[in-house]
Structure formats: structure tokens, C-alpha cells
Amino acid sequence: MDLKVEARNLDMRNGWQEKIEEEREKLIRHYANLVLHLRVTIEATPGYKEGGYEISLVASVPNDTVVVKRWGEKVR
């Protein structure tokens, strides 16, 4: 599985990178050969009403793309 991690308007923390790798390993274990590419974007969003961060996951799967976004307190 290809993995691309991007950080926008912030410095990537080591803990975040480790968590992303842990979750990647779970995907590989449970969905081997189904997730072809995964892109994770973490963006600082201090101007948003809920503030904090926005996380975006884009996964390429056979014949489709899955997008998940979380922001504010939902990021945790």
C-alpha cells in the first residue's frame, strides 16, 4: 500500500506519524490488497469555528475512492 502523509500549516509531530503507521498496519492486516493508496492530510485550522485540526483520509480501493474527513474535537 502506498502511503503519503502531508502536513499543512503545522509541523508533523512524531506521535502523529507513529499513529498513522499503526493505523496503516491495521488496514494492511484486515484489508490486504484492497487499499491500494492512502493519503493522509493534517491541517491546522485555527480560524475554523471549532478550531484545532482537520484530518483528511483519501483511500484508493479497486474501482472507487473513499474519503473521510474529521475536524475539531472529532479528530481525537
PDB file of N, CA and C in Angstrom:
ATOM      1  N   MET A   1       0.853  -1.175   0.000  1.00  0.00           N
ATOM      2  CA  MET A   1       0.000   0.000   0.000  1.00  0.00           C
ATOM      3  C   MET A   1       0.894   1.231   0.000  1.00  0.00           C
ATOM      4  N   ASP A   2       0.639   2.110  -0.932  1.00  0.00           N
ATOM      5  CA  ASP A   2       1.317   3.409  -0.975  1.00  0.00           C
ATOM      6  C   ASP A   2       0.747   4.297   0.121  1.00  0.00           C
ATOM      7  N   LEU A   3       1.592   5.039   0.810  1.00  0.00           N
ATOM      8  CA  LEU A   3       1.150   5.962   1.845  1.00  0.00           C
ATOM      9  C   LEU A   3       1.830   7.295   1.634  1.00  0.00           C
ATOM     10  N   LYS A   4       1.020   8.353   1.627  1.00  0.00           N
ATOM     11  CA  LYS A   4       1.549   9.706   1.529  1.00  0.00           C
ATOM     12  C   LYS A   4       0.946  10.508   2.681  1.00  0.00           C
ATOM     13  N   VAL A   5       1.807  11.165   3.445  1.00  0.00           N
ATOM     14  CA  VAL A   5       1.360  11.961   4.587  1.00  0.00           C
ATOM     15  C   VAL A   5       1.767  13.402   4.347  1.00  0.00           C
ATOM     16  N   GLU A   6       0.803  14.327   4.494  1.00  0.00           N
ATOM     17  CA  GLU A   6       1.062  15.749   4.301  1.00  0.00           C
ATOM     18  C   GLU A   6       0.672  16.508   5.562  1.00  0.00           C
ATOM     19  N   ALA A   7       1.432  17.538   5.889  1.00  0.00           N
ATOM     20  CA  ALA A   7       1.107  18.440   6.991  1.00  0.00           C
ATOM     21  C   ALA A   7       1.010  19.845   6.414  1.00  0.00           C
ATOM     22  N   ARG A   8      -0.081  20.518   6.707  1.00  0.00           N
ATOM     23  CA  ARG A   8      -0.283  21.880   6.205  1.00  0.00           C
ATOM     24  C   ARG A   8      -0.417  22.848   7.382  1.00  0.00           C
ATOM     25  N   ASN A   9       0.331  23.923   7.318  1.00  0.00           N
ATOM     26  CA  ASN A   9       0.294  24.981   8.330  1.00  0.00           C
ATOM     27  C   ASN A   9       0.719  24.498   9.715  1.00  0.00           C
ATOM     28  N   LEU A  10       1.518  23.424   9.775  1.00  0.00           N
ATOM     29  CA  LEU A  10       1.990  22.920  11.056  1.00  0.00           C
ATOM     30  C   LEU A  10       3.173  21.992  10.834  1.00  0.00           C
ATOM     31  N   ASP A  11       3.885  21.685  11.909  1.00  0.00           N
ATOM     32  CA  ASP A  11       4.968  20.706  11.867  1.00  0.00           C
ATOM     33  C   ASP A  11       4.418  19.366  12.326  1.00  0.00           C
ATOM     34  N   MET A  12       4.747  18.311  11.588  1.00  0.00           N
ATOM     35  CA  MET A  12       4.273  16.971  11.914  1.00  0.00           C
ATOM     36  C   MET A  12       4.921  16.497  13.213  1.00  0.00           C
ATOM     37  N   ARG A  13       4.103  16.057  14.144  1.00  0.00           N
ATOM     38  CA  ARG A  13       4.607  15.533  15.416  1.00  0.00           C
ATOM     39  C   ARG A  13       4.952  14.056  15.251  1.00  0.00           C
ATOM     40  N   ASN A  14       5.969  13.597  15.972  1.00  0.00           N
ATOM     41  CA  ASN A  14       6.375  12.191  15.904  1.00  0.00           C
ATOM     42  C   ASN A  14       5.242  11.260  16.312  1.00  0.00           C
ATOM     43  N   GLY A  15       4.490  11.631  17.317  1.00  0.00           N
ATOM     44  CA  GLY A  15       3.363  10.816  17.778  1.00  0.00           C
ATOM     45  C   GLY A  15       2.311  10.627  16.705  1.00  0.00           C
ATOM     46  N   TRP A  16       2.069  11.675  15.919  1.00  0.00           N
ATOM     47  CA  TRP A  16       1.083  11.580  14.835  1.00  0.00           C
ATOM     48  C   TRP A  16       1.559  10.605  13.779  1.00  0.00           C
ATOM     49  N   GLN A  17       2.840  10.713  13.408  1.00  0.00           N
ATOM     50  CA  GLN A  17       3.399   9.825  12.390  1.00  0.00           C
ATOM     51  C   GLN A  17       3.321   8.369  12.858  1.00  0.00           C
ATOM     52  N   GLU A  18       3.623   8.131  14.132  1.00  0.00           N
ATOM     53  CA  GLU A  18       3.553   6.777  14.683  1.00  0.00           C
ATOM     54  C   GLU A  18       2.125   6.242  14.640  1.00  0.00           C
ATOM     55  N   LYS A  19       1.150   7.077  14.998  1.00  0.00           N
ATOM     56  CA  LYS A  19      -0.264   6.669  14.975  1.00  0.00           C
ATOM     57  C   LYS A  19      -0.702   6.344  13.552  1.00  0.00           C
ATOM     58  N   ILE A  20      -0.295   7.144  12.596  1.00  0.00           N
ATOM     59  CA  ILE A  20      -0.639   6.893  11.198  1.00  0.00           C
ATOM     60  C   ILE A  20      -0.065   5.551  10.756  1.00  0.00           C
ATOM     61  N   GLU A  21       1.164   5.272  11.131  1.00  0.00           N
ATOM     62  CA  GLU A  21       1.787   3.988  10.775  1.00  0.00           C
ATOM     63  C   GLU A  21       1.059   2.815  11.425  1.00  0.00           C
ATOM     64  N   GLU A  22       0.640   2.974  12.691  1.00  0.00           N
ATOM     65  CA  GLU A  22      -0.112   1.921  13.374  1.00  0.00           C
ATOM     66  C   GLU A  22      -1.417   1.628  12.639  1.00  0.00           C
ATOM     67  N   GLU A  23      -2.134   2.682  12.262  1.00  0.00           N
ATOM     68  CA  GLU A  23      -3.408   2.508  11.568  1.00  0.00           C
ATOM     69  C   GLU A  23      -3.202   1.914  10.178  1.00  0.00           C
ATOM     70  N   ARG A  24      -2.108   2.270   9.542  1.00  0.00           N
ATOM     71  CA  ARG A  24      -1.774   1.697   8.235  1.00  0.00           C
ATOM     72  C   ARG A  24      -1.578   0.187   8.359  1.00  0.00           C
ATOM     73  N   GLU A  25      -0.867  -0.231   9.400  1.00  0.00           N
ATOM     74  CA  GLU A  25      -0.630  -1.661   9.622  1.00  0.00           C
ATOM     75  C   GLU A  25      -1.942  -2.407   9.843  1.00  0.00           C
ATOM     76  N   LYS A  26      -2.887  -1.781  10.547  1.00  0.00           N
ATOM     77  CA  LYS A  26      -4.199  -2.404  10.757  1.00  0.00           C
ATOM     78  C   LYS A  26      -4.929  -2.578   9.428  1.00  0.00           C
ATOM     79  N   LEU A  27      -4.875  -1.540   8.585  1.00  0.00           N
ATOM     80  CA  LEU A  27      -5.517  -1.643   7.268  1.00  0.00           C
ATOM     81  C   LEU A  27      -4.912  -2.773   6.448  1.00  0.00           C
ATOM     82  N   ILE A  28      -3.599  -2.875   6.470  1.00  0.00           N
ATOM     83  CA  ILE A  28      -2.928  -3.930   5.710  1.00  0.00           C
ATOM     84  C   ILE A  28      -3.338  -5.304   6.250  1.00  0.00           C
ATOM     85  N   ARG A  29      -3.404  -5.427   7.563  1.00  0.00           N
ATOM     86  CA  ARG A  29      -3.757  -6.706   8.176  1.00  0.00           C
ATOM     87  C   ARG A  29      -5.184  -7.137   7.834  1.00  0.00           C
ATOM     88  N   HIS A  30      -6.122  -6.190   7.882  1.00  0.00           N
ATOM     89  CA  HIS A  30      -7.528  -6.530   7.700  1.00  0.00           C
ATOM     90  C   HIS A  30      -8.017  -6.428   6.252  1.00  0.00           C
ATOM     91  N   TYR A  31      -7.379  -5.587   5.469  1.00  0.00           N
ATOM     92  CA  TYR A  31      -7.845  -5.345   4.100  1.00  0.00           C
ATOM     93  C   TYR A  31      -6.709  -5.462   3.101  1.00  0.00           C
ATOM     94  N   ALA A  32      -5.891  -6.485   3.247  1.00  0.00           N
ATOM     95  CA  ALA A  32      -4.748  -6.685   2.350  1.00  0.00           C
ATOM     96  C   ALA A  32      -5.214  -6.686   0.900  1.00  0.00           C
ATOM     97  N   ASN A  33      -4.505  -5.956   0.072  1.00  0.00           N
ATOM     98  CA  ASN A  33      -4.765  -5.853  -1.367  1.00  0.00           C
ATOM     99  C   ASN A  33      -6.057  -5.122  -1.726  1.00  0.00           C
ATOM    100  N   LEU A  34      -6.780  -4.592  -0.758  1.00  0.00           N
ATOM    101  CA  LEU A  34      -7.980  -3.813  -1.079  1.00  0.00           C
ATOM    102  C   LEU A  34      -7.701  -2.318  -1.083  1.00  0.00           C
ATOM    103  N   VAL A  35      -6.841  -1.845  -0.180  1.00  0.00           N
ATOM    104  CA  VAL A  35      -6.465  -0.431  -0.161  1.00  0.00           C
ATOM    105  C   VAL A  35      -5.169  -0.306  -0.947  1.00  0.00           C
ATOM    106  N   LEU A  36      -5.251   0.368  -2.085  1.00  0.00           N
ATOM    107  CA  LEU A  36      -4.103   0.480  -2.975  1.00  0.00           C
ATOM    108  C   LEU A  36      -3.220   1.673  -2.639  1.00  0.00           C
ATOM    109  N   HIS A  37      -3.853   2.770  -2.258  1.00  0.00           N
ATOM    110  CA  HIS A  37      -3.123   4.009  -1.972  1.00  0.00           C
ATOM    111  C   HIS A  37      -3.857   4.736  -0.856  1.00  0.00           C
ATOM    112  N   LEU A  38      -3.115   5.330   0.058  1.00  0.00           N
ATOM    113  CA  LEU A  38      -3.706   6.079   1.155  1.00  0.00           C
ATOM    114  C   LEU A  38      -2.986   7.405   1.293  1.00  0.00           C
ATOM    115  N   ARG A  39      -3.752   8.488   1.321  1.00  0.00           N
ATOM    116  CA  ARG A  39      -3.182   9.822   1.532  1.00  0.00           C
ATOM    117  C   ARG A  39      -3.808  10.412   2.794  1.00  0.00           C
ATOM    118  N   VAL A  40      -2.958  10.862   3.703  1.00  0.00           N
ATOM    119  CA  VAL A  40      -3.397  11.457   4.961  1.00  0.00           C
ATOM    120  C   VAL A  40      -2.928  12.897   4.973  1.00  0.00           C
ATOM    121  N   THR A  41      -3.857  13.819   5.212  1.00  0.00           N
ATOM    122  CA  THR A  41      -3.516  15.239   5.293  1.00  0.00           C
ATOM    123  C   THR A  41      -3.961  15.762   6.655  1.00  0.00           C
ATOM    124  N   ILE A  42      -3.028  16.377   7.378  1.00  0.00           N
ATOM    125  CA  ILE A  42      -3.328  17.010   8.654  1.00  0.00           C
ATOM    126  C   ILE A  42      -3.105  18.498   8.470  1.00  0.00           C
ATOM    127  N   GLU A  43      -4.130  19.276   8.802  1.00  0.00           N
ATOM    128  CA  GLU A  43      -4.056  20.720   8.587  1.00  0.00           C
ATOM    129  C   GLU A  43      -4.472  21.463   9.849  1.00  0.00           C
ATOM    130  N   ALA A  44      -3.676  22.464  10.229  1.00  0.00           N
ATOM    131  CA  ALA A  44      -4.047  23.332  11.346  1.00  0.00           C
ATOM    132  C   ALA A  44      -5.162  24.258  10.875  1.00  0.00           C
ATOM    133  N   THR A  45      -6.224  24.356  11.672  1.00  0.00           N
ATOM    134  CA  THR A  45      -7.379  25.171  11.288  1.00  0.00           C
ATOM    135  C   THR A  45      -7.787  26.107  12.430  1.00  0.00           C
ATOM    136  N   PRO A  46      -6.906  27.016  12.853  1.00  0.00           N
ATOM    137  CA  PRO A  46      -7.240  27.876  13.983  1.00  0.00           C
ATOM    138  C   PRO A  46      -8.385  28.842  13.683  1.00  0.00           C
ATOM    139  N   GLY A  47      -8.650  29.140  12.419  1.00  0.00           N
ATOM    140  CA  GLY A  47      -9.711  30.072  12.071  1.00  0.00           C
ATOM    141  C   GLY A  47     -11.089  29.451  12.008  1.00  0.00           C
ATOM    142  N   TYR A  48     -11.189  28.132  12.035  1.00  0.00           N
ATOM    143  CA  TYR A  48     -12.488  27.458  11.987  1.00  0.00           C
ATOM    144  C   TYR A  48     -13.235  27.677  13.289  1.00  0.00           C
ATOM    145  N   LYS A  49     -14.526  27.587  13.217  1.00  0.00           N
ATOM    146  CA  LYS A  49     -15.366  27.762  14.400  1.00  0.00           C
ATOM    147  C   LYS A  49     -14.963  26.789  15.506  1.00  0.00           C
ATOM    148  N   GLU A  50     -14.714  25.517  15.134  1.00  0.00           N
ATOM    149  CA  GLU A  50     -14.337  24.509  16.116  1.00  0.00           C
ATOM    150  C   GLU A  50     -12.838  24.520  16.400  1.00  0.00           C
ATOM    151  N   GLY A  51     -12.049  25.195  15.554  1.00  0.00           N
ATOM    152  CA  GLY A  51     -10.608  25.310  15.768  1.00  0.00           C
ATOM    153  C   GLY A  51      -9.884  23.983  15.735  1.00  0.00           C
ATOM    154  N   GLY A  52      -8.591  24.013  16.017  1.00  0.00           N
ATOM    155  CA  GLY A  52      -7.825  22.781  16.099  1.00  0.00           C
ATOM    156  C   GLY A  52      -7.273  22.313  14.782  1.00  0.00           C
ATOM    157  N   TYR A  53      -7.640  21.086  14.398  1.00  0.00           N
ATOM    158  CA  TYR A  53      -7.071  20.448  13.222  1.00  0.00           C
ATOM    159  C   TYR A  53      -8.154  19.829  12.352  1.00  0.00           C
ATOM    160  N   GLU A  54      -7.805  19.656  11.091  1.00  0.00           N
ATOM    161  CA  GLU A  54      -8.660  18.907  10.172  1.00  0.00           C
ATOM    162  C   GLU A  54      -7.822  17.759   9.625  1.00  0.00           C
ATOM    163  N   ILE A  55      -8.384  16.548   9.674  1.00  0.00           N
ATOM    164  CA  ILE A  55      -7.735  15.357   9.157  1.00  0.00           C
ATOM    165  C   ILE A  55      -8.527  14.880   7.952  1.00  0.00           C
ATOM    166  N   SER A  56      -7.834  14.608   6.881  1.00  0.00           N
ATOM    167  CA  SER A  56      -8.464  14.096   5.673  1.00  0.00           C
ATOM    168  C   SER A  56      -7.757  12.812   5.254  1.00  0.00           C
ATOM    169  N   LEU A  57      -8.526  11.754   5.039  1.00  0.00           N
ATOM    170  CA  LEU A  57      -8.000  10.477   4.564  1.00  0.00           C
ATOM    171  C   LEU A  57      -8.621  10.182   3.211  1.00  0.00           C
ATOM    172  N   VAL A  58      -7.791   9.895   2.238  1.00  0.00           N
ATOM    173  CA  VAL A  58      -8.266   9.530   0.905  1.00  0.00           C
ATOM    174  C   VAL A  58      -7.650   8.181   0.576  1.00  0.00           C
ATOM    175  N   ALA A  59      -8.501   7.181   0.387  1.00  0.00           N
ATOM    176  CA  ALA A  59      -8.028   5.827   0.105  1.00  0.00           C
ATOM    177  C   ALA A  59      -8.507   5.402  -1.276  1.00  0.00           C
ATOM    178  N   SER A  60      -7.582   4.903  -2.072  1.00  0.00           N
ATOM    179  CA  SER A  60      -7.937   4.332  -3.367  1.00  0.00           C
ATOM    180  C   SER A  60      -8.149   2.839  -3.175  1.00  0.00           C
ATOM    181  N   VAL A  61      -9.325   2.390  -3.556  1.00  0.00           N
ATOM    182  CA  VAL A  61      -9.669   0.977  -3.491  1.00  0.00           C
ATOM    183  C   VAL A  61     -10.067   0.547  -4.901  1.00  0.00           C
ATOM    184  N   PRO A  62     -10.103  -0.740  -5.189  1.00  0.00           N
ATOM    185  CA  PRO A  62     -10.458  -1.148  -6.551  1.00  0.00           C
ATOM    186  C   PRO A  62     -11.776  -0.518  -7.018  1.00  0.00           C
ATOM    187  N   ASN A  63     -11.704   0.196  -8.121  1.00  0.00           N
ATOM    188  CA  ASN A  63     -12.856   0.823  -8.776  1.00  0.00           C
ATOM    189  C   ASN A  63     -13.540   1.940  -7.987  1.00  0.00           C
ATOM    190  N   ASP A  64     -12.870   2.501  -6.960  1.00  0.00           N
ATOM    191  CA  ASP A  64     -13.506   3.564  -6.196  1.00  0.00           C
ATOM    192  C   ASP A  64     -12.470   4.320  -5.350  1.00  0.00           C
ATOM    193  N   THR A  65     -12.919   5.414  -4.753  1.00  0.00           N
ATOM    194  CA  THR A  65     -12.110   6.209  -3.829  1.00  0.00           C
ATOM    195  C   THR A  65     -12.963   6.488  -2.599  1.00  0.00           C
ATOM    196  N   VAL A  66     -12.368   6.354  -1.423  1.00  0.00           N
ATOM    197  CA  VAL A  66     -13.066   6.593  -0.167  1.00  0.00           C
ATOM    198  C   VAL A  66     -12.421   7.809   0.489  1.00  0.00           C
ATOM    199  N   VAL A  67     -13.261   8.768   0.918  1.00  0.00           N
ATOM    200  CA  VAL A  67     -12.771   9.988   1.555  1.00  0.00           C
ATOM    201  C   VAL A  67     -13.424  10.118   2.934  1.00  0.00           C
ATOM    202  N   VAL A  68     -12.591  10.366   3.947  1.00  0.00           N
ATOM    203  CA  VAL A  68     -13.082  10.580   5.309  1.00  0.00           C
ATOM    204  C   VAL A  68     -12.433  11.853   5.827  1.00  0.00           C
ATOM    205  N   LYS A  69     -13.262  12.743   6.414  1.00  0.00           N
ATOM    206  CA  LYS A  69     -12.738  13.984   6.994  1.00  0.00           C
ATOM    207  C   LYS A  69     -13.263  14.132   8.415  1.00  0.00           C
ATOM    208  N   ARG A  70     -12.389  14.607   9.274  1.00  0.00           N
ATOM    209  CA  ARG A  70     -12.758  14.912  10.653  1.00  0.00           C
ATOM    210  C   ARG A  70     -12.107  16.231  11.030  1.00  0.00           C
ATOM    211  N   TRP A  71     -12.758  16.985  11.917  1.00  0.00           N
ATOM    212  CA  TRP A  71     -12.191  18.258  12.344  1.00  0.00           C
ATOM    213  C   TRP A  71     -12.627  18.548  13.769  1.00  0.00           C
ATOM    214  N   GLY A  72     -11.979  19.532  14.364  1.00  0.00           N
ATOM    215  CA  GLY A  72     -12.291  19.927  15.735  1.00  0.00           C
ATOM    216  C   GLY A  72     -12.097  18.788  16.715  1.00  0.00           C
ATOM    217  N   GLU A  73     -13.036  18.587  17.602  1.00  0.00           N
ATOM    218  CA  GLU A  73     -12.943  17.548  18.631  1.00  0.00           C
ATOM    219  C   GLU A  73     -13.079  16.152  18.031  1.00  0.00           C
ATOM    220  N   LYS A  74     -13.643  16.015  16.848  1.00  0.00           N
ATOM    221  CA  LYS A  74     -13.809  14.705  16.216  1.00  0.00           C
ATOM    222  C   LYS A  74     -12.481  14.086  15.792  1.00  0.00           C
ATOM    223  N   VAL A  75     -11.421  14.874  15.738  1.00  0.00           N
ATOM    224  CA  VAL A  75     -10.109  14.397  15.319  1.00  0.00           C
ATOM    225  C   VAL A  75      -9.592  13.365  16.303  1.00  0.00           C
ATOM    226  N   ARG A  76      -9.819  13.519  17.553  1.00  0.00           N
ATOM    227  CA  ARG A  76      -9.274  12.609  18.559  1.00  0.00           C
ATOM    228  C   ARG A  76      -9.811  11.225  18.363  1.00  0.00           C
TER     229      ARG A  76
END
